[in-house]
Amino acid sequence: MAKKRQRLQIAFDASIDPKIAEALSLHFEIVTPDQESDLVISGGGAIQAKINAICDAGMELTQFDTSTVRSLNVAQRLRLMEEKVVRYVHDLLDMDNFEIRLLDQRSGALELVIAENLSPLKIGEVIFAKETENGICGLVAVTGKSYICPDVHDEPLYKTGLDSASSSLTVPLWMNDKIIGVFNAESKTKNAFDDNDRRMAEIFGRYIASAMHTLDLLVVERYTTNEEVSKNILGELEEPLKLIADLSKALLASGVEDETAKKLIEASNTVEQRLIACTGGPQTILDADRAGFIKADPRLKGKTVLVADDEEVLRLGVRDVMSKLGFEVTVCIDGTETYEILKETKAAEKQFDLIISDIRMPGLNGYEVFHAATEFWPDQVVVLMTGFGYDPHHSIMRASQEGMHTVLFKPFRTDQLIEIVQKACRKKVEN
């Protein structure tokens, strides 16, 4: 949701460092004291020093070494981000209990990305960017106006986050003059936040938004690049493969019973099928044509697995592999159905030996599936799947912190799936 670029007035007792002024100008329209402003930062040396420290930290947060970041997987990228954000919020803003939520532009949901000492929402509960019935975070995400709550007990908008919370501060996260999320801090003390806290959080929030945006761009870039490379490979090999097949067919048509020609036709067809699988995007198993040769594993016979993915090709592909290994397989087409199956299984006093779930699904996302499963069964082994490292709800980071076994990055090979499944089941036995 687009808003007019925020106007910042700087009125320190001493002149501001040109480097800091330049950094702030990337995020705000700097105005003079005689002009209308949305935010004013002023004061003596202590305030100026704090602003300088915040801007220095913000610049470090946003200036990633892209070559290094590209080499990291999703969990590593987010861990790098989280460590820096948590440290700076603690040290510079003096806030110990906070969360960062990013706005899903498609659904309007405010998805949790980083949480420090705040309780998660109940399973199935979602905060949307709406002025009513979605707490203070929902209101701030719509209006773009920060909200100081001096006493949560007198605030009908407040949704429980921190146990024994008494006050809160919520500010919007802006990127390119659009609201992309919210930063929410809470305290067990009444009236813990003032306008100075708000101003500092608003400024640092700009840097948080910029850093989050940069990481997302890197993930999307990787996703897109992989797809483009795969399609280019298929295009380059399509013609020579067809030539091999056509020449082989011509030999056979001439009346020559040549086993070599038959094998060439079979080989070219196999290569083409596997290339199509590789270039079909993340919703494929690369060597699905070889799944028929999977041998049953006596150790897995009769064990139960839940497979959840909204993409039919991959869902059925994983199902077939699991069945051939000896599993009794239950499949779900989205997060909502998955949660209902988990509840029914719990009510029947049963438990799945393994859960394999996509991260991005309608209804519950991957983290919510993981969280629900481990709430029902603390020892539940869960494997999450994601395409090319794409993790829109930061499920990998959140689930990894809570003991998730591993992640499958699509597209994957059958042997990779089998290896992870076997390790996961061994882990459950060991525990």
Protein backbone atom coordinates (compact mmCIF):
# COMPACT_ATOMS: atom_id res chain seq x y z
CA MET A 1 0.00 0.00 0.00
CA ALA A 2 1.67 3.14 -1.23
CA LYS A 3 2.10 6.16 0.97
CA LYS A 4 3.64 9.54 0.44
CA ARG A 5 7.37 9.56 1.16
CA GLN A 6 7.94 10.42 4.83
CA ARG A 7 9.48 13.78 5.59
CA LEU A 8 12.24 13.89 8.20
CA GLN A 9 13.43 17.03 9.97
CA ILE A 10 16.86 16.90 11.60
CA ALA A 11 17.44 19.50 14.32
CA PHE A 12 20.49 18.59 16.36
CA ASP A 13 22.43 21.06 18.48
CA ALA A 14 25.53 20.25 16.48
CA SER A 15 25.84 19.70 12.76
CA ILE A 16 25.05 16.17 11.58
CA ASP A 17 27.71 13.95 10.07
CA PRO A 18 27.35 14.17 6.26
CA LYS A 19 27.62 10.37 6.04
CA ILE A 20 24.66 9.99 8.40
CA ALA A 21 22.64 12.63 6.58
CA GLU A 22 23.26 10.82 3.30
CA ALA A 23 22.21 7.49 4.83
CA LEU A 24 18.98 8.97 6.16
CA SER A 25 18.21 10.60 2.83
CA LEU A 26 17.97 7.14 1.28
CA HIS A 27 14.90 6.46 3.38
CA PHE A 28 13.37 9.87 4.06
CA GLU A 29 12.76 13.20 2.40
CA ILE A 30 14.94 15.51 4.49
CA VAL A 31 13.15 18.82 5.16
CA THR A 32 14.11 22.10 6.86
CA PRO A 33 12.59 23.34 10.16
CA ASP A 34 10.23 25.68 8.32
CA GLN A 35 8.74 22.82 6.28
CA GLU A 36 6.04 20.36 7.29
CA SER A 37 7.45 17.05 8.57
CA ASP A 38 6.28 13.58 9.57
CA LEU A 39 9.21 12.86 11.89
CA VAL A 40 11.54 15.13 13.83
CA ILE A 41 14.77 14.06 15.47
CA SER A 42 16.35 16.61 17.72
CA GLY A 43 18.33 17.02 20.89
CA GLY A 44 21.81 17.25 22.25
CA GLY A 45 24.90 15.14 21.94
CA ALA A 46 23.46 11.96 23.48
CA ILE A 47 20.56 11.80 21.01
CA GLN A 48 22.80 12.64 18.10
CA ALA A 49 25.26 9.92 19.12
CA LYS A 50 22.45 7.39 19.30
CA ILE A 51 21.17 8.33 15.84
CA ASN A 52 24.71 8.02 14.51
CA ALA A 53 25.01 4.55 16.06
CA ILE A 54 21.64 3.48 14.64
CA CYS A 55 22.57 4.67 11.15
CA ASP A 56 25.97 2.97 11.33
CA ALA A 57 24.29 -0.28 12.38
CA GLY A 58 21.65 0.14 9.71
CA MET A 59 24.23 0.57 6.99
CA GLU A 60 26.05 -2.55 8.15
CA LEU A 61 22.73 -4.41 8.16
CA THR A 62 21.92 -3.48 4.59
CA GLN A 63 25.36 -3.69 3.00
CA PHE A 64 25.61 -7.42 2.46
CA ASP A 65 28.47 -9.04 0.64
CA THR A 66 26.20 -10.47 -2.04
CA SER A 67 28.75 -13.05 -3.16
CA THR A 68 28.86 -14.43 0.38
CA VAL A 69 25.11 -14.28 0.91
CA ARG A 70 24.40 -16.10 -2.35
CA SER A 71 26.51 -19.02 -1.17
CA LEU A 72 24.42 -19.43 1.99
CA ASN A 73 21.28 -21.54 2.19
CA VAL A 74 17.98 -20.11 3.40
CA ALA A 75 18.49 -20.92 7.07
CA GLN A 76 22.02 -19.47 7.05
CA ARG A 77 20.90 -16.24 5.35
CA LEU A 78 18.10 -15.71 7.81
CA ARG A 79 20.28 -16.62 10.79
CA LEU A 80 22.78 -13.99 9.68
CA MET A 81 20.01 -11.44 9.45
CA GLU A 82 18.40 -12.40 12.74
CA GLU A 83 21.64 -12.30 14.72
CA LYS A 84 22.34 -8.76 13.54
CA VAL A 85 18.81 -7.47 14.05
CA VAL A 86 18.45 -8.97 17.53
CA ARG A 87 21.83 -7.59 18.63
CA TYR A 88 21.12 -4.08 17.36
CA VAL A 89 17.61 -3.92 18.80
CA HIS A 90 18.98 -5.00 22.18
CA ASP A 91 22.01 -2.70 22.15
CA LEU A 92 20.71 0.39 20.36
CA LEU A 93 16.98 0.46 21.07
CA ASP A 94 17.26 -1.17 24.50
CA MET A 95 14.34 -3.49 23.71
CA ASP A 96 14.37 -7.14 24.76
CA ASN A 97 10.94 -8.38 23.72
CA PHE A 98 9.95 -7.81 20.12
CA GLU A 99 8.78 -9.30 16.83
CA ILE A 100 9.06 -8.44 13.15
CA ARG A 101 6.20 -9.28 10.81
CA LEU A 102 6.34 -8.94 7.04
CA LEU A 103 3.29 -8.23 4.92
CA ASP A 104 2.28 -10.90 2.40
CA GLN A 105 1.20 -8.66 -0.48
CA ARG A 106 -1.10 -11.33 -1.90
CA SER A 107 -3.05 -12.33 1.20
CA GLY A 108 -2.59 -9.25 3.37
CA ALA A 109 -1.36 -11.44 6.23
CA LEU A 110 1.39 -10.23 8.56
CA GLU A 111 3.76 -13.20 8.70
CA LEU A 112 6.09 -13.61 11.66
CA VAL A 113 9.77 -13.49 10.65
CA ILE A 114 11.72 -12.80 13.84
CA ALA A 115 10.46 -13.12 17.39
CA GLU A 116 12.34 -12.50 20.60
CA ASN A 117 10.54 -13.56 23.82
CA LEU A 118 7.03 -13.13 22.38
CA SER A 119 4.51 -15.97 22.34
CA PRO A 120 3.43 -17.28 18.91
CA LEU A 121 -0.14 -17.05 17.70
CA LYS A 122 -2.44 -20.01 18.12
CA ILE A 123 -2.45 -22.51 15.26
CA GLY A 124 -4.61 -21.20 12.45
CA GLU A 125 -4.70 -17.66 13.85
CA VAL A 126 -3.59 -14.99 11.39
CA ILE A 127 -3.04 -11.24 11.73
CA PHE A 128 -4.09 -9.27 8.67
CA ALA A 129 -3.35 -5.69 7.70
CA LYS A 130 -6.77 -4.41 8.72
CA GLU A 131 -7.88 -1.58 10.96
CA THR A 132 -10.21 -3.72 13.08
CA GLU A 133 -10.10 -7.14 14.72
CA ASN A 134 -6.41 -7.66 13.93
CA GLY A 135 -4.73 -6.01 16.86
CA ILE A 136 -2.39 -3.05 16.93
CA CYS A 137 -0.11 -4.64 14.30
CA GLY A 138 -2.98 -4.85 11.82
CA LEU A 139 -3.91 -1.22 12.40
CA VAL A 140 -0.34 0.06 12.04
CA ALA A 141 0.17 -1.93 8.82
CA VAL A 142 -2.87 -0.19 7.28
CA THR A 143 -2.44 3.35 8.53
CA GLY A 144 1.35 3.58 8.45
CA LYS A 145 1.20 5.37 11.81
CA SER A 146 3.14 4.19 14.85
CA TYR A 147 1.19 3.25 17.97
CA ILE A 148 2.33 3.60 21.58
CA CYS A 149 0.19 1.63 24.03
CA PRO A 150 0.96 2.81 27.59
CA ASP A 151 -1.16 0.11 29.25
CA VAL A 152 -2.27 -3.00 27.33
CA HIS A 153 -4.89 -3.80 29.96
CA ASP A 154 -6.85 -0.73 28.84
CA GLU A 155 -6.30 -1.34 25.14
CA PRO A 156 -9.04 -3.33 23.32
CA LEU A 157 -6.85 -3.66 20.21
CA TYR A 158 -4.04 -5.47 22.03
CA LYS A 159 -3.38 -9.15 21.20
CA THR A 160 -1.30 -11.12 23.68
CA GLY A 161 2.35 -11.39 22.72
CA LEU A 162 4.60 -11.13 25.77
CA ASP A 163 3.52 -12.99 28.91
CA SER A 164 2.62 -10.40 31.57
CA ALA A 165 2.98 -7.53 29.09
CA SER A 166 1.99 -4.05 30.28
CA SER A 167 2.88 -1.72 27.38
CA SER A 168 3.86 -1.87 23.72
CA LEU A 169 5.27 0.09 20.80
CA THR A 170 4.43 -0.77 17.18
CA VAL A 171 5.93 0.97 14.15
CA PRO A 172 5.49 0.36 10.41
CA LEU A 173 8.33 -0.96 8.26
CA TRP A 174 8.70 1.12 5.11
CA MET A 175 10.43 0.17 1.88
CA ASN A 176 10.30 2.39 -1.20
CA ASP A 177 7.43 4.27 0.38
CA LYS A 178 5.37 1.14 0.84
CA ILE A 179 4.55 -0.58 4.08
CA ILE A 180 6.10 -4.06 4.00
CA GLY A 181 5.56 -5.04 7.63
CA VAL A 182 5.63 -3.97 11.28
CA PHE A 183 8.04 -3.93 14.21
CA ASN A 184 6.37 -4.57 17.57
CA ALA A 185 8.09 -4.26 20.97
CA GLU A 186 6.56 -5.02 24.36
CA SER A 187 7.47 -4.50 28.00
CA LYS A 188 6.31 -5.80 31.36
CA THR A 189 6.40 -2.19 32.62
CA LYS A 190 3.61 0.33 32.04
CA ASN A 191 4.51 3.44 30.03
CA ALA A 192 7.80 1.85 28.98
CA PHE A 193 7.89 3.60 25.58
CA ASP A 194 7.91 7.29 24.70
CA ASP A 195 8.16 9.40 21.56
CA ASN A 196 11.93 9.14 21.55
CA ASP A 197 11.68 5.33 21.48
CA ARG A 198 9.16 5.63 18.67
CA ARG A 199 11.44 7.88 16.58
CA MET A 200 14.43 5.59 17.03
CA ALA A 201 12.38 2.51 16.14
CA GLU A 202 10.95 4.22 13.05
CA ILE A 203 14.40 5.10 11.80
CA PHE A 204 15.92 1.69 12.47
CA GLY A 205 12.81 0.07 11.02
CA ARG A 206 13.74 1.53 7.64
CA TYR A 207 17.02 -0.33 7.70
CA ILE A 208 15.37 -3.56 8.83
CA ALA A 209 12.92 -3.31 5.93
CA SER A 210 15.70 -2.64 3.45
CA ALA A 211 17.77 -5.60 4.68
CA MET A 212 14.79 -7.97 4.56
CA HIS A 213 13.99 -6.80 1.06
CA THR A 214 17.57 -7.41 -0.08
CA LEU A 215 17.55 -10.98 1.23
CA ASP A 216 14.22 -11.70 -0.45
CA LEU A 217 15.55 -10.36 -3.76
CA LEU A 218 18.57 -12.66 -3.52
CA VAL A 219 16.31 -15.67 -2.95
CA VAL A 220 14.03 -14.74 -5.85
CA GLU A 221 17.09 -14.11 -8.05
CA ARG A 222 18.39 -17.59 -7.29
CA TYR A 223 14.97 -19.11 -7.96
CA THR A 224 14.62 -17.33 -11.29
CA THR A 225 18.20 -18.00 -12.39
CA ASN A 226 17.86 -21.73 -11.76
CA GLU A 227 14.67 -21.90 -13.80
CA GLU A 228 16.20 -19.93 -16.67
CA VAL A 229 19.37 -22.03 -16.75
CA SER A 230 17.35 -25.24 -16.78
CA LYS A 231 15.17 -24.05 -19.65
CA ASN A 232 18.22 -22.94 -21.62
CA ILE A 233 19.80 -26.37 -21.22
CA LEU A 234 16.66 -28.06 -22.48
CA GLY A 235 16.54 -25.74 -25.48
CA GLU A 236 20.16 -26.37 -26.37
CA LEU A 237 19.87 -30.15 -26.19
CA GLU A 238 16.47 -30.56 -27.74
CA GLU A 239 17.71 -30.43 -31.36
CA PRO A 240 20.67 -32.88 -31.10
CA LEU A 241 18.53 -35.34 -29.14
CA LYS A 242 15.88 -35.23 -31.82
CA LEU A 243 18.55 -35.78 -34.49
CA ILE A 244 19.88 -38.87 -32.68
CA ALA A 245 16.37 -40.27 -32.36
CA ASP A 246 15.46 -39.52 -35.99
CA LEU A 247 18.66 -41.12 -37.35
CA SER A 248 18.15 -44.20 -35.21
CA LYS A 249 14.55 -44.53 -36.34
CA ALA A 250 15.69 -44.17 -39.98
CA LEU A 251 18.11 -47.07 -39.51
CA LEU A 252 15.40 -49.28 -38.11
CA ALA A 253 12.97 -48.24 -40.84
CA SER A 254 15.49 -49.33 -43.50
CA GLY A 255 15.05 -52.87 -42.33
CA VAL A 256 18.25 -53.14 -40.34
CA GLU A 257 17.63 -54.83 -36.99
CA ASP A 258 20.26 -52.94 -35.09
CA GLU A 259 20.26 -53.22 -31.28
CA THR A 260 22.50 -50.17 -31.11
CA ALA A 261 19.89 -48.05 -32.89
CA LYS A 262 17.21 -49.27 -30.48
CA LYS A 263 19.40 -48.43 -27.50
CA LEU A 264 20.12 -44.97 -28.93
CA ILE A 265 16.39 -44.27 -29.26
CA GLU A 266 15.80 -45.44 -25.69
CA ALA A 267 18.72 -43.39 -24.39
CA SER A 268 17.62 -40.19 -26.20
CA ASN A 269 14.08 -40.64 -24.86
CA THR A 270 15.42 -41.14 -21.33
CA VAL A 271 17.64 -38.05 -21.55
CA GLU A 272 14.73 -35.99 -22.84
CA GLN A 273 12.43 -37.18 -20.03
CA ARG A 274 15.00 -36.37 -17.37
CA LEU A 275 15.69 -32.96 -18.87
CA ILE A 276 11.98 -32.23 -18.81
CA ALA A 277 11.91 -33.26 -15.16
CA CYS A 278 14.88 -31.01 -14.37
CA THR A 279 13.37 -28.04 -16.18
CA GLY A 280 9.90 -28.50 -14.81
CA GLY A 281 10.68 -26.16 -11.93
CA PRO A 282 10.82 -27.08 -8.30
CA GLN A 283 7.62 -29.13 -8.29
CA THR A 284 9.30 -32.23 -9.68
CA ILE A 285 11.40 -35.23 -8.66
CA LEU A 286 14.37 -35.15 -11.01
CA ASP A 287 14.64 -38.90 -11.67
CA ALA A 288 11.01 -39.87 -11.24
CA ASP A 289 11.31 -42.29 -14.16
CA ARG A 290 13.65 -44.43 -12.05
CA ALA A 291 11.33 -44.65 -9.06
CA GLY A 292 10.11 -48.05 -10.30
CA PHE A 293 13.44 -49.59 -9.31
CA ILE A 294 13.17 -48.62 -5.64
CA LYS A 295 13.49 -51.58 -3.32
CA ALA A 296 11.39 -51.88 -0.19
CA ASP A 297 13.22 -51.19 3.05
CA PRO A 298 12.25 -53.80 5.69
CA ARG A 299 12.96 -51.24 8.43
CA LEU A 300 10.27 -48.94 7.02
CA LYS A 301 7.58 -51.53 6.33
CA GLY A 302 4.33 -50.55 8.01
CA LYS A 303 5.57 -47.17 9.18
CA THR A 304 3.27 -44.21 8.58
CA VAL A 305 4.04 -40.99 6.74
CA LEU A 306 1.98 -37.88 6.03
CA VAL A 307 2.84 -36.14 2.74
CA ALA A 308 1.49 -32.58 2.32
CA ASP A 309 1.93 -30.53 -0.86
CA ASP A 310 -0.53 -28.53 -2.96
CA GLU A 311 1.33 -29.45 -6.20
CA GLU A 312 -0.12 -32.71 -7.46
CA VAL A 313 2.91 -33.88 -9.45
CA LEU A 314 5.28 -33.69 -6.52
CA ARG A 315 2.74 -34.87 -3.94
CA LEU A 316 2.00 -38.03 -5.91
CA GLY A 317 5.67 -38.51 -6.75
CA VAL A 318 6.67 -38.48 -3.08
CA ARG A 319 3.71 -40.72 -2.28
CA ASP A 320 4.85 -43.32 -4.82
CA VAL A 321 8.42 -43.33 -3.49
CA MET A 322 7.22 -43.69 0.09
CA SER A 323 4.85 -46.53 -0.84
CA LYS A 324 7.62 -48.43 -2.61
CA LEU A 325 9.82 -48.07 0.48
CA GLY A 326 7.10 -49.75 2.55
CA PHE A 327 5.35 -46.78 4.18
CA GLU A 328 1.63 -46.47 4.73
CA VAL A 329 1.05 -43.06 3.14
CA THR A 330 -1.51 -40.36 3.88
CA VAL A 331 -1.58 -37.39 1.46
CA CYS A 332 -2.92 -33.87 2.01
CA ILE A 333 -3.48 -31.17 -0.60
CA ASP A 334 -3.06 -28.08 1.59
CA GLY A 335 -2.19 -26.85 5.08
CA THR A 336 -5.78 -26.78 6.32
CA GLU A 337 -6.40 -30.45 5.45
CA THR A 338 -3.03 -31.32 6.99
CA TYR A 339 -3.98 -29.73 10.30
CA GLU A 340 -7.32 -31.53 10.37
CA ILE A 341 -5.61 -34.88 9.74
CA LEU A 342 -3.11 -34.14 12.53
CA LYS A 343 -5.95 -33.35 14.95
CA GLU A 344 -7.83 -36.54 14.01
CA THR A 345 -4.68 -38.62 14.42
CA LYS A 346 -4.03 -37.09 17.84
CA ALA A 347 -7.63 -37.71 18.90
CA ALA A 348 -7.25 -41.36 17.89
CA GLU A 349 -4.15 -41.55 20.12
CA LYS A 350 -1.93 -42.32 17.15
CA GLN A 351 1.11 -40.62 15.63
CA PHE A 352 2.80 -40.51 12.24
CA ASP A 353 6.32 -41.88 12.07
CA LEU A 354 7.23 -39.08 9.67
CA ILE A 355 5.70 -35.89 8.24
CA ILE A 356 6.90 -34.44 4.92
CA SER A 357 5.38 -31.04 4.22
CA ASP A 358 5.77 -28.32 1.64
CA ILE A 359 6.53 -24.89 3.06
CA ARG A 360 4.28 -22.84 0.81
CA MET A 361 0.71 -24.14 0.84
CA PRO A 362 -2.81 -22.69 1.08
CA GLY A 363 -4.02 -22.67 4.66
CA LEU A 364 -1.19 -23.39 7.10
CA ASN A 365 2.38 -22.80 5.93
CA GLY A 366 5.30 -25.11 6.59
CA TYR A 367 6.21 -23.65 9.96
CA GLU A 368 2.62 -23.84 11.17
CA VAL A 369 2.43 -27.50 10.14
CA PHE A 370 5.69 -28.16 11.99
CA HIS A 371 4.53 -26.22 15.06
CA ALA A 372 1.17 -28.01 15.19
CA ALA A 373 2.76 -31.43 14.80
CA THR A 374 5.35 -30.88 17.53
CA GLU A 375 2.70 -29.46 19.86
CA PHE A 376 0.73 -32.69 19.48
CA TRP A 377 3.83 -34.91 19.63
CA PRO A 378 7.05 -33.27 20.95
CA ASP A 379 9.19 -36.00 19.40
CA GLN A 380 7.56 -35.76 15.95
CA VAL A 381 10.05 -35.85 13.05
CA VAL A 382 9.19 -33.34 10.31
CA VAL A 383 10.89 -32.76 6.95
CA LEU A 384 10.02 -29.53 5.14
CA MET A 385 10.28 -28.98 1.37
CA THR A 386 10.85 -25.75 -0.53
CA GLY A 387 11.64 -24.79 -4.10
CA PHE A 388 15.15 -23.43 -4.77
CA GLY A 389 15.38 -22.14 -1.23
CA TYR A 390 12.17 -20.08 -1.51
CA ASP A 391 10.80 -19.60 1.99
CA PRO A 392 8.15 -16.84 1.99
CA HIS A 393 7.19 -17.24 5.66
CA HIS A 394 10.73 -17.90 6.93
CA SER A 395 9.55 -21.32 8.04
CA ILE A 396 12.99 -22.89 7.82
CA MET A 397 14.58 -20.50 10.27
CA ARG A 398 11.75 -20.71 12.76
CA ALA A 399 11.40 -24.49 12.60
CA SER A 400 15.17 -25.04 12.74
CA GLN A 401 15.33 -23.09 15.99
CA GLU A 402 12.74 -25.49 17.43
CA GLY A 403 14.41 -28.72 16.41
CA MET A 404 13.28 -29.47 12.84
CA HIS A 405 15.15 -32.43 11.34
CA THR A 406 16.03 -31.20 7.85
CA VAL A 407 14.92 -29.47 4.63
CA LEU A 408 14.53 -30.82 1.09
CA PHE A 409 15.26 -28.24 -1.59
CA LYS A 410 13.22 -28.84 -4.73
CA PRO A 411 13.76 -30.16 -7.27
CA PHE A 412 15.41 -33.16 -5.61
CA ARG A 413 16.44 -36.65 -6.68
CA THR A 414 14.80 -39.85 -5.50
CA ASP A 415 17.96 -40.97 -3.71
CA GLN A 416 18.09 -37.66 -1.81
CA LEU A 417 14.52 -38.15 -0.65
CA ILE A 418 15.19 -41.74 0.40
CA GLU A 419 18.38 -40.83 2.27
CA ILE A 420 16.66 -38.06 4.24
CA VAL A 421 13.66 -40.26 5.04
CA GLN A 422 15.90 -43.10 6.28
CA LYS A 423 17.94 -40.71 8.45
CA ALA A 424 14.79 -39.12 9.84
CA CYS A 425 13.34 -42.48 10.82
CA ARG A 426 16.63 -43.55 12.42
CA LYS A 427 16.62 -40.34 14.43
CA LYS A 428 13.14 -41.08 15.74
CA VAL A 429 14.25 -44.58 16.84
CA GLU A 430 17.36 -43.16 18.54
CA ASN A 431 15.25 -40.60 20.42
